[in-house]
Amino acid sequence: MVNKTSRLSLKNFGITPSFLCSFSFKYSGFFFLLKSIFSKKKSQ
């Protein structure tokens, strides 16, 4: 029941599972880049 409603709301917002996957992948990559930059600044 909960799964069906959540999927329906996601479709209403135009968010597909593939989009969600690509977005999370890009975000994790961006976060990793940010972390590496901060670690470099600390080491200097």
PDB file of N, CA and C in Angstrom:
ATOM      1  N   MET A   1       0.844  -1.207   0.000  1.00  0.00           N
ATOM      2  CA  MET A   1       0.000   0.000   0.000  1.00  0.00           C
ATOM      3  C   MET A   1       0.877   1.254   0.000  1.00  0.00           C
ATOM      4  N   VAL A   2       1.855   1.282   0.909  1.00  0.00           N
ATOM      5  CA  VAL A   2       2.725   2.455   1.000  1.00  0.00           C
ATOM      6  C   VAL A   2       3.582   2.589  -0.259  1.00  0.00           C
ATOM      7  N   ASN A   3       4.047   1.441  -0.772  1.00  0.00           N
ATOM      8  CA  ASN A   3       4.897   1.454  -1.963  1.00  0.00           C
ATOM      9  C   ASN A   3       4.160   2.063  -3.153  1.00  0.00           C
ATOM     10  N   LYS A   4       2.900   1.669  -3.329  1.00  0.00           N
ATOM     11  CA  LYS A   4       2.121   2.162  -4.472  1.00  0.00           C
ATOM     12  C   LYS A   4       1.932   3.669  -4.387  1.00  0.00           C
ATOM     13  N   THR A   5       1.589   4.183  -3.219  1.00  0.00           N
ATOM     14  CA  THR A   5       1.355   5.614  -3.071  1.00  0.00           C
ATOM     15  C   THR A   5       2.635   6.412  -3.281  1.00  0.00           C
ATOM     16  N   SER A   6       3.734   5.909  -2.765  1.00  0.00           N
ATOM     17  CA  SER A   6       5.014   6.611  -2.913  1.00  0.00           C
ATOM     18  C   SER A   6       5.415   6.674  -4.387  1.00  0.00           C
ATOM     19  N   ARG A   7       5.164   5.562  -5.114  1.00  0.00           N
ATOM     20  CA  ARG A   7       5.506   5.538  -6.531  1.00  0.00           C
ATOM     21  C   ARG A   7       4.636   6.521  -7.298  1.00  0.00           C
ATOM     22  N   LEU A   8       3.372   6.608  -6.906  1.00  0.00           N
ATOM     23  CA  LEU A   8       2.431   7.501  -7.577  1.00  0.00           C
ATOM     24  C   LEU A   8       2.866   8.957  -7.389  1.00  0.00           C
ATOM     25  N   SER A   9       3.225   9.302  -6.152  1.00  0.00           N
ATOM     26  CA  SER A   9       3.643  10.673  -5.861  1.00  0.00           C
ATOM     27  C   SER A   9       4.924  11.018  -6.617  1.00  0.00           C
ATOM     28  N   LEU A  10       5.833  10.048  -6.720  1.00  0.00           N
ATOM     29  CA  LEU A  10       7.083  10.281  -7.455  1.00  0.00           C
ATOM     30  C   LEU A  10       6.786  10.569  -8.918  1.00  0.00           C
ATOM     31  N   LYS A  11       5.836   9.807  -9.495  1.00  0.00           N
ATOM     32  CA  LYS A  11       5.489  10.017 -10.899  1.00  0.00           C
ATOM     33  C   LYS A  11       4.838  11.380 -11.077  1.00  0.00           C
ATOM     34  N   ASN A  12       4.055  11.799 -10.092  1.00  0.00           N
ATOM     35  CA  ASN A  12       3.400  13.107 -10.158  1.00  0.00           C
ATOM     36  C   ASN A  12       4.436  14.224 -10.234  1.00  0.00           C
ATOM     37  N   PHE A  13       5.529  14.049  -9.511  1.00  0.00           N
ATOM     38  CA  PHE A  13       6.593  15.054  -9.512  1.00  0.00           C
ATOM     39  C   PHE A  13       7.509  14.907 -10.720  1.00  0.00           C
ATOM     40  N   GLY A  14       7.291  13.837 -11.507  1.00  0.00           N
ATOM     41  CA  GLY A  14       8.106  13.628 -12.700  1.00  0.00           C
ATOM     42  C   GLY A  14       9.472  13.063 -12.364  1.00  0.00           C
ATOM     43  N   ILE A  15       9.578  12.406 -11.216  1.00  0.00           N
ATOM     44  CA  ILE A  15      10.869  11.827 -10.812  1.00  0.00           C
ATOM     45  C   ILE A  15      10.835  10.321 -11.055  1.00  0.00           C
ATOM     46  N   THR A  16      11.643   9.845 -11.985  1.00  0.00           N
ATOM     47  CA  THR A  16      11.689   8.412 -12.274  1.00  0.00           C
ATOM     48  C   THR A  16      12.827   7.768 -11.496  1.00  0.00           C
ATOM     49  N   PRO A  17      12.744   6.471 -11.229  1.00  0.00           N
ATOM     50  CA  PRO A  17      13.815   5.775 -10.497  1.00  0.00           C
ATOM     51  C   PRO A  17      15.192   5.983 -11.140  1.00  0.00           C
ATOM     52  N   SER A  18      15.231   5.996 -12.482  1.00  0.00           N
ATOM     53  CA  SER A  18      16.513   6.186 -13.176  1.00  0.00           C
ATOM     54  C   SER A  18      17.071   7.580 -12.891  1.00  0.00           C
ATOM     55  N   PHE A  19      16.185   8.579 -12.867  1.00  0.00           N
ATOM     56  CA  PHE A  19      16.613   9.949 -12.569  1.00  0.00           C
ATOM     57  C   PHE A  19      17.141  10.032 -11.142  1.00  0.00           C
ATOM     58  N   LEU A  20      16.431   9.352 -10.234  1.00  0.00           N
ATOM     59  CA  LEU A  20      16.836   9.346  -8.835  1.00  0.00           C
ATOM     60  C   LEU A  20      18.219   8.715  -8.688  1.00  0.00           C
ATOM     61  N   CYS A  21      18.445   7.629  -9.441  1.00  0.00           N
ATOM     62  CA  CYS A  21      19.733   6.931  -9.391  1.00  0.00           C
ATOM     63  C   CYS A  21      20.858   7.831  -9.904  1.00  0.00           C
ATOM     64  N   SER A  22      20.627   8.462 -11.053  1.00  0.00           N
ATOM     65  CA  SER A  22      21.656   9.318 -11.648  1.00  0.00           C
ATOM     66  C   SER A  22      21.928  10.526 -10.752  1.00  0.00           C
ATOM     67  N   PHE A  23      20.871  11.065 -10.136  1.00  0.00           N
ATOM     68  CA  PHE A  23      21.031  12.231  -9.272  1.00  0.00           C
ATOM     69  C   PHE A  23      21.861  11.877  -8.044  1.00  0.00           C
ATOM     70  N   SER A  24      21.537  10.739  -7.419  1.00  0.00           N
ATOM     71  CA  SER A  24      22.280  10.323  -6.222  1.00  0.00           C
ATOM     72  C   SER A  24      23.738  10.025  -6.581  1.00  0.00           C
ATOM     73  N   PHE A  25      23.945   9.465  -7.790  1.00  0.00           N
ATOM     74  CA  PHE A  25      25.304   9.160  -8.227  1.00  0.00           C
ATOM     75  C   PHE A  25      26.103  10.444  -8.423  1.00  0.00           C
ATOM     76  N   LYS A  26      25.477  11.440  -9.058  1.00  0.00           N
ATOM     77  CA  LYS A  26      26.159  12.724  -9.273  1.00  0.00           C
ATOM     78  C   LYS A  26      26.434  13.415  -7.947  1.00  0.00           C
ATOM     79  N   TYR A  27      25.459  13.353  -7.024  1.00  0.00           N
ATOM     80  CA  TYR A  27      25.607  14.018  -5.737  1.00  0.00           C
ATOM     81  C   TYR A  27      26.735  13.399  -4.931  1.00  0.00           C
ATOM     82  N   SER A  28      26.803  12.056  -4.951  1.00  0.00           N
ATOM     83  CA  SER A  28      27.864  11.372  -4.201  1.00  0.00           C
ATOM     84  C   SER A  28      29.230  11.741  -4.778  1.00  0.00           C
ATOM     85  N   GLY A  29      29.306  11.852  -6.103  1.00  0.00           N
ATOM     86  CA  GLY A  29      30.560  12.229  -6.748  1.00  0.00           C
ATOM     87  C   GLY A  29      30.962  13.645  -6.376  1.00  0.00           C
ATOM     88  N   PHE A  30      29.970  14.534  -6.332  1.00  0.00           N
ATOM     89  CA  PHE A  30      30.226  15.925  -5.976  1.00  0.00           C
ATOM     90  C   PHE A  30      30.674  16.033  -4.524  1.00  0.00           C
ATOM     91  N   PHE A  31      30.020  15.243  -3.653  1.00  0.00           N
ATOM     92  CA  PHE A  31      30.377  15.240  -2.237  1.00  0.00           C
ATOM     93  C   PHE A  31      31.795  14.725  -2.035  1.00  0.00           C
ATOM     94  N   PHE A  32      32.168  13.688  -2.803  1.00  0.00           N
ATOM     95  CA  PHE A  32      33.512  13.117  -2.712  1.00  0.00           C
ATOM     96  C   PHE A  32      34.549  14.155  -3.140  1.00  0.00           C
ATOM     97  N   LEU A  33      34.227  14.920  -4.193  1.00  0.00           N
ATOM     98  CA  LEU A  33      35.124  15.963  -4.688  1.00  0.00           C
ATOM     99  C   LEU A  33      35.299  17.037  -3.616  1.00  0.00           C
ATOM    100  N   LEU A  34      34.199  17.410  -2.988  1.00  0.00           N
ATOM    101  CA  LEU A  34      34.240  18.436  -1.946  1.00  0.00           C
ATOM    102  C   LEU A  34      35.100  17.963  -0.778  1.00  0.00           C
ATOM    103  N   LYS A  35      34.944  16.687  -0.403  1.00  0.00           N
ATOM    104  CA  LYS A  35      35.699  16.134   0.716  1.00  0.00           C
ATOM    105  C   LYS A  35      37.196  16.145   0.420  1.00  0.00           C
ATOM    106  N   SER A  36      37.550  15.786  -0.819  1.00  0.00           N
ATOM    107  CA  SER A  36      38.971  15.731  -1.183  1.00  0.00           C
ATOM    108  C   SER A  36      39.573  17.137  -1.150  1.00  0.00           C
ATOM    109  N   ILE A  37      38.803  18.140  -1.570  1.00  0.00           N
ATOM    110  CA  ILE A  37      39.291  19.522  -1.576  1.00  0.00           C
ATOM    111  C   ILE A  37      39.543  19.982  -0.149  1.00  0.00           C
ATOM    112  N   PHE A  38      38.602  19.658   0.753  1.00  0.00           N
ATOM    113  CA  PHE A  38      38.741  20.072   2.153  1.00  0.00           C
ATOM    114  C   PHE A  38      39.936  19.393   2.807  1.00  0.00           C
ATOM    115  N   SER A  39      40.138  18.123   2.477  1.00  0.00           N
ATOM    116  CA  SER A  39      41.265  17.391   3.066  1.00  0.00           C
ATOM    117  C   SER A  39      42.586  17.984   2.570  1.00  0.00           C
ATOM    118  N   LYS A  40      42.609  18.437   1.322  1.00  0.00           N
ATOM    119  CA  LYS A  40      43.824  19.051   0.774  1.00  0.00           C
ATOM    120  C   LYS A  40      44.116  20.365   1.480  1.00  0.00           C
ATOM    121  N   LYS A  41      43.069  21.146   1.752  1.00  0.00           N
ATOM    122  CA  LYS A  41      43.252  22.427   2.434  1.00  0.00           C
ATOM    123  C   LYS A  41      43.775  22.210   3.842  1.00  0.00           C
ATOM    124  N   LYS A  42      43.298  21.169   4.510  1.00  0.00           N
ATOM    125  CA  LYS A  42      43.732  20.891   5.881  1.00  0.00           C
ATOM    126  C   LYS A  42      45.188  20.462   5.910  1.00  0.00           C
ATOM    127  N   SER A  43      45.623  19.719   4.898  1.00  0.00           N
ATOM    128  CA  SER A  43      46.998  19.212   4.879  1.00  0.00           C
ATOM    129  C   SER A  43      47.989  20.346   4.619  1.00  0.00           C
ATOM    130  N   GLN A  44      47.555  21.383   3.941  1.00  0.00           N
ATOM    131  CA  GLN A  44      48.469  22.490   3.613  1.00  0.00           C
ATOM    132  C   GLN A  44      48.850  23.301   4.842  1.00  0.00           C
TER     133      GLN A  44
END
